[in-house]
């Protein structure tokens, strides 16, 4: 069975875009929640300016990104393949592949 380069690139692009979109959305939510928590903690402190709290939240992002990445791959792939199934693109690709492989 030969793999179509165009079809593989299309499915790969869909997968990567959904994973990146899911990762960005989850990171934005985590960043906002973390910033709100830091603002709540620093409300009574003298040296807790918004710029300092923003820097603290930004410095925590790489660590949070490492923890979030597996979940974003999981949820992004589920969303990508759900969309491909809902629009019947996976069914069409499978049907087209079975005909070309039999000849």
N, C-alpha and C. Protein backbone atom coordinates (compact mmCIF):
# COMPACT_ATOMS: atom_id res chain seq x y z
N UNK A 1 0.85 -1.17 0.00
CA UNK A 1 0.00 0.00 0.00
C UNK A 1 0.89 1.24 0.00
N UNK A 2 0.66 2.12 -0.93
CA UNK A 2 1.42 3.36 -1.02
C UNK A 2 0.69 4.46 -0.27
N UNK A 3 1.45 5.28 0.41
CA UNK A 3 0.87 6.41 1.10
C UNK A 3 0.93 7.65 0.21
N UNK A 4 -0.15 8.34 0.13
CA UNK A 4 -0.19 9.57 -0.65
C UNK A 4 0.49 10.68 0.14
N UNK A 5 1.45 11.33 -0.47
CA UNK A 5 2.16 12.41 0.20
C UNK A 5 1.23 13.59 0.47
N UNK A 6 0.35 13.88 -0.47
CA UNK A 6 -0.57 15.00 -0.31
C UNK A 6 -1.56 14.74 0.82
N UNK A 7 -2.11 13.53 0.86
CA UNK A 7 -3.08 13.19 1.90
C UNK A 7 -2.41 13.12 3.27
N UNK A 8 -1.22 12.58 3.33
CA UNK A 8 -0.49 12.52 4.60
C UNK A 8 -0.15 13.93 5.10
N UNK A 9 0.25 14.79 4.19
CA UNK A 9 0.56 16.17 4.58
C UNK A 9 -0.70 16.89 5.06
N UNK A 10 -1.83 16.62 4.43
CA UNK A 10 -3.08 17.26 4.84
C UNK A 10 -3.49 16.81 6.24
N UNK A 11 -3.46 15.50 6.49
CA UNK A 11 -3.82 15.00 7.81
C UNK A 11 -2.80 15.45 8.86
N UNK A 12 -1.54 15.47 8.51
CA UNK A 12 -0.52 15.95 9.43
C UNK A 12 -0.69 17.42 9.77
N UNK A 13 -1.02 18.22 8.77
CA UNK A 13 -1.24 19.64 9.00
C UNK A 13 -2.45 19.88 9.89
N UNK A 14 -3.52 19.12 9.66
CA UNK A 14 -4.71 19.24 10.51
C UNK A 14 -4.37 18.88 11.96
N UNK A 15 -3.63 17.80 12.13
CA UNK A 15 -3.25 17.35 13.47
C UNK A 15 -2.40 18.41 14.18
N UNK A 16 -1.38 18.91 13.49
CA UNK A 16 -0.47 19.88 14.10
C UNK A 16 -1.19 21.18 14.43
N UNK A 17 -2.05 21.65 13.55
CA UNK A 17 -2.77 22.89 13.82
C UNK A 17 -3.70 22.76 15.02
N UNK A 18 -4.40 21.64 15.13
CA UNK A 18 -5.28 21.44 16.28
C UNK A 18 -4.49 21.31 17.57
N UNK A 19 -3.36 20.64 17.53
CA UNK A 19 -2.53 20.50 18.74
C UNK A 19 -1.97 21.86 19.15
N UNK A 20 -1.47 22.64 18.20
CA UNK A 20 -0.94 23.96 18.53
C UNK A 20 -2.04 24.88 19.05
N UNK A 21 -3.20 24.83 18.42
CA UNK A 21 -4.33 25.65 18.89
C UNK A 21 -4.77 25.28 20.29
N UNK A 22 -4.84 23.98 20.56
CA UNK A 22 -5.23 23.52 21.89
C UNK A 22 -4.18 23.91 22.91
N UNK A 23 -2.90 23.76 22.54
CA UNK A 23 -1.82 24.14 23.46
C UNK A 23 -1.88 25.63 23.78
N UNK A 24 -2.09 26.45 22.76
CA UNK A 24 -2.15 27.90 22.98
C UNK A 24 -3.34 28.28 23.85
N UNK A 25 -4.48 27.65 23.62
CA UNK A 25 -5.67 27.97 24.40
C UNK A 25 -5.48 27.57 25.87
N UNK A 26 -4.96 26.38 26.11
CA UNK A 26 -4.76 25.93 27.48
C UNK A 26 -3.70 26.78 28.18
N UNK A 27 -2.63 27.12 27.45
CA UNK A 27 -1.59 27.97 28.05
C UNK A 27 -2.13 29.35 28.39
N UNK A 28 -2.98 29.91 27.55
CA UNK A 28 -3.56 31.22 27.84
C UNK A 28 -4.44 31.16 29.09
N UNK A 29 -5.22 30.11 29.21
CA UNK A 29 -6.08 29.97 30.38
C UNK A 29 -5.24 29.80 31.64
N UNK A 30 -4.22 28.97 31.57
CA UNK A 30 -3.35 28.75 32.74
C UNK A 30 -2.61 30.04 33.11
N UNK A 31 -2.15 30.77 32.11
CA UNK A 31 -1.45 32.02 32.37
C UNK A 31 -2.36 33.02 33.08
N UNK A 32 -3.58 33.15 32.58
CA UNK A 32 -4.51 34.10 33.20
C UNK A 32 -4.85 33.68 34.64
N UNK A 33 -5.09 32.40 34.84
CA UNK A 33 -5.40 31.93 36.19
C UNK A 33 -4.21 32.12 37.13
N UNK A 34 -3.02 31.87 36.64
CA UNK A 34 -1.82 32.05 37.45
C UNK A 34 -1.60 33.53 37.77
N UNK A 35 -1.83 34.40 36.81
CA UNK A 35 -1.68 35.83 37.03
C UNK A 35 -2.71 36.33 38.04
N UNK A 36 -3.92 35.85 37.95
CA UNK A 36 -4.95 36.24 38.92
C UNK A 36 -4.58 35.76 40.31
N UNK A 37 -4.06 34.56 40.43
CA UNK A 37 -3.64 34.04 41.73
C UNK A 37 -2.48 34.86 42.30
N UNK A 38 -1.52 35.23 41.46
CA UNK A 38 -0.42 36.06 41.93
C UNK A 38 -0.89 37.45 42.34
N UNK A 39 -1.86 37.99 41.62
CA UNK A 39 -2.41 39.29 42.00
C UNK A 39 -3.16 39.20 43.32
N UNK A 40 -3.84 38.12 43.55
CA UNK A 40 -4.55 37.93 44.82
C UNK A 40 -3.56 37.83 45.98
N UNK A 41 -2.48 37.07 45.77
CA UNK A 41 -1.48 36.93 46.82
C UNK A 41 -0.73 38.22 47.09
N UNK A 42 -0.46 38.98 46.05
CA UNK A 42 0.33 40.19 46.20
C UNK A 42 -0.48 41.44 46.48
N UNK A 43 -1.76 41.29 46.74
CA UNK A 43 -2.62 42.46 46.94
C UNK A 43 -2.19 43.29 48.15
N UNK A 44 -1.75 42.65 49.22
CA UNK A 44 -1.38 43.39 50.42
C UNK A 44 0.09 43.70 50.53
N UNK A 45 0.89 43.29 49.58
CA UNK A 45 2.35 43.51 49.64
C UNK A 45 2.72 44.86 49.03
N UNK A 46 3.77 45.46 49.56
CA UNK A 46 4.20 46.78 49.08
C UNK A 46 4.92 46.71 47.73
N UNK A 47 5.80 45.74 47.53
CA UNK A 47 6.61 45.68 46.31
C UNK A 47 5.98 44.86 45.20
N UNK A 48 4.72 44.48 45.33
CA UNK A 48 4.07 43.62 44.34
C UNK A 48 3.35 44.49 43.31
N UNK A 49 4.12 45.03 42.36
CA UNK A 49 3.52 45.80 41.28
C UNK A 49 3.05 44.85 40.19
N UNK A 50 2.19 45.38 39.32
CA UNK A 50 1.63 44.53 38.26
C UNK A 50 2.73 44.01 37.33
N UNK A 51 3.71 44.83 37.04
CA UNK A 51 4.81 44.41 36.15
C UNK A 51 5.60 43.26 36.74
N UNK A 52 5.83 43.31 38.04
CA UNK A 52 6.56 42.23 38.71
C UNK A 52 5.74 40.95 38.70
N UNK A 53 4.44 41.08 38.97
CA UNK A 53 3.57 39.90 38.97
C UNK A 53 3.44 39.31 37.57
N UNK A 54 3.41 40.17 36.57
CA UNK A 54 3.35 39.70 35.18
C UNK A 54 4.63 38.94 34.81
N UNK A 55 5.77 39.46 35.23
CA UNK A 55 7.03 38.76 34.98
C UNK A 55 7.07 37.41 35.69
N UNK A 56 6.58 37.36 36.91
CA UNK A 56 6.55 36.09 37.64
C UNK A 56 5.67 35.06 36.92
N UNK A 57 4.52 35.51 36.42
CA UNK A 57 3.63 34.60 35.70
C UNK A 57 4.28 34.14 34.38
N UNK A 58 4.97 35.06 33.71
CA UNK A 58 5.64 34.69 32.45
C UNK A 58 6.79 33.72 32.68
N UNK A 59 7.49 33.88 33.81
CA UNK A 59 8.60 32.98 34.10
C UNK A 59 8.13 31.57 34.46
N UNK A 60 6.89 31.44 34.88
CA UNK A 60 6.36 30.11 35.18
C UNK A 60 5.83 29.39 33.95
N UNK A 61 5.67 30.12 32.84
CA UNK A 61 5.08 29.52 31.63
C UNK A 61 5.86 28.34 31.05
N UNK A 62 7.19 28.38 30.94
CA UNK A 62 7.88 27.22 30.36
C UNK A 62 7.65 25.92 31.14
N UNK A 63 7.68 26.01 32.46
CA UNK A 63 7.43 24.83 33.28
C UNK A 63 5.99 24.33 33.10
N UNK A 64 5.07 25.26 33.07
CA UNK A 64 3.67 24.88 32.87
C UNK A 64 3.46 24.29 31.47
N UNK A 65 4.20 24.82 30.48
CA UNK A 65 4.09 24.29 29.13
C UNK A 65 4.54 22.85 29.04
N UNK A 66 5.58 22.49 29.79
CA UNK A 66 6.03 21.09 29.80
C UNK A 66 4.99 20.18 30.42
N UNK A 67 4.30 20.66 31.41
CA UNK A 67 3.27 19.84 32.04
C UNK A 67 2.01 19.76 31.20
N UNK A 68 1.72 20.80 30.44
CA UNK A 68 0.48 20.86 29.66
C UNK A 68 0.61 20.17 28.30
N UNK A 69 1.81 20.07 27.75
CA UNK A 69 2.00 19.54 26.40
C UNK A 69 1.37 18.17 26.16
N UNK A 70 1.55 17.18 27.05
CA UNK A 70 0.91 15.89 26.77
C UNK A 70 -0.61 15.96 26.69
N UNK A 71 -1.21 16.79 27.53
CA UNK A 71 -2.66 16.92 27.51
C UNK A 71 -3.13 17.66 26.26
N UNK A 72 -2.36 18.64 25.82
CA UNK A 72 -2.76 19.35 24.61
C UNK A 72 -2.62 18.46 23.38
N UNK A 73 -1.63 17.57 23.36
CA UNK A 73 -1.52 16.61 22.25
C UNK A 73 -2.71 15.66 22.27
N UNK A 74 -3.08 15.20 23.45
CA UNK A 74 -4.22 14.30 23.58
C UNK A 74 -5.51 14.97 23.11
N UNK A 75 -5.80 16.13 23.67
CA UNK A 75 -7.06 16.81 23.33
C UNK A 75 -7.04 17.36 21.91
N UNK A 76 -5.89 17.85 21.45
CA UNK A 76 -5.79 18.34 20.08
C UNK A 76 -5.99 17.25 19.05
N UNK A 77 -5.42 16.07 19.31
CA UNK A 77 -5.62 14.96 18.37
C UNK A 77 -7.06 14.48 18.39
N UNK A 78 -7.66 14.45 19.57
CA UNK A 78 -9.07 14.05 19.64
C UNK A 78 -9.95 15.03 18.86
N UNK A 79 -9.69 16.32 19.01
CA UNK A 79 -10.47 17.32 18.28
C UNK A 79 -10.23 17.23 16.77
N UNK A 80 -8.97 17.03 16.37
CA UNK A 80 -8.66 16.95 14.94
C UNK A 80 -9.35 15.75 14.30
N UNK A 81 -9.24 14.59 14.92
CA UNK A 81 -9.84 13.40 14.31
C UNK A 81 -11.35 13.39 14.44
N UNK A 82 -11.88 14.05 15.46
CA UNK A 82 -13.34 14.19 15.55
C UNK A 82 -13.85 15.05 14.40
N UNK A 83 -13.14 16.15 14.11
CA UNK A 83 -13.55 17.00 13.00
C UNK A 83 -13.42 16.29 11.66
N UNK A 84 -12.33 15.55 11.49
CA UNK A 84 -12.15 14.81 10.25
C UNK A 84 -13.20 13.72 10.08
N UNK A 85 -13.62 13.12 11.17
CA UNK A 85 -14.67 12.10 11.11
C UNK A 85 -16.02 12.74 10.84
N UNK A 86 -16.28 13.87 11.49
CA UNK A 86 -17.57 14.53 11.33
C UNK A 86 -17.79 15.01 9.90
N UNK A 87 -16.71 15.43 9.23
CA UNK A 87 -16.85 15.88 7.85
C UNK A 87 -16.61 14.74 6.85
N UNK A 88 -16.49 13.52 7.35
CA UNK A 88 -16.34 12.30 6.53
C UNK A 88 -15.07 12.29 5.70
N UNK A 89 -14.06 13.05 6.08
CA UNK A 89 -12.81 13.06 5.33
C UNK A 89 -12.02 11.77 5.55
N UNK A 90 -12.07 11.21 6.74
CA UNK A 90 -11.37 9.94 6.99
C UNK A 90 -12.02 8.79 6.23
N UNK A 91 -13.35 8.82 6.14
CA UNK A 91 -14.06 7.76 5.43
C UNK A 91 -13.73 7.81 3.94
N UNK A 92 -13.70 9.01 3.38
CA UNK A 92 -13.39 9.17 1.95
C UNK A 92 -11.95 8.75 1.67
N UNK A 93 -11.04 9.11 2.55
CA UNK A 93 -9.64 8.73 2.34
C UNK A 93 -9.46 7.22 2.42
N UNK A 94 -10.17 6.59 3.33
CA UNK A 94 -10.07 5.13 3.44
C UNK A 94 -10.69 4.45 2.21
N UNK A 95 -11.82 4.96 1.76
CA UNK A 95 -12.45 4.36 0.58
C UNK A 95 -11.60 4.56 -0.68
N UNK A 96 -11.00 5.70 -0.81
CA UNK A 96 -10.14 5.96 -1.97
C UNK A 96 -8.89 5.11 -1.92
N UNK A 97 -8.37 4.87 -0.74
CA UNK A 97 -7.17 4.06 -0.60
C UNK A 97 -7.42 2.60 -0.87
N UNK A 98 -8.60 2.08 -0.50
CA UNK A 98 -8.88 0.67 -0.71
C UNK A 98 -9.08 0.35 -2.18
N UNK A 99 -9.60 1.29 -2.97
CA UNK A 99 -9.80 1.06 -4.39
C UNK A 99 -8.47 1.07 -5.14
N UNK A 100 -7.59 2.02 -4.77
CA UNK A 100 -6.33 2.11 -5.51
C UNK A 100 -5.41 0.96 -5.14
N UNK A 101 -5.55 0.40 -3.93
CA UNK A 101 -4.69 -0.69 -3.51
C UNK A 101 -5.08 -2.03 -4.11
N UNK A 102 -6.36 -2.17 -4.57
CA UNK A 102 -6.82 -3.45 -5.08
C UNK A 102 -6.45 -3.68 -6.53
N UNK A 103 -6.10 -2.62 -7.26
CA UNK A 103 -5.81 -2.79 -8.69
C UNK A 103 -4.35 -3.09 -8.94
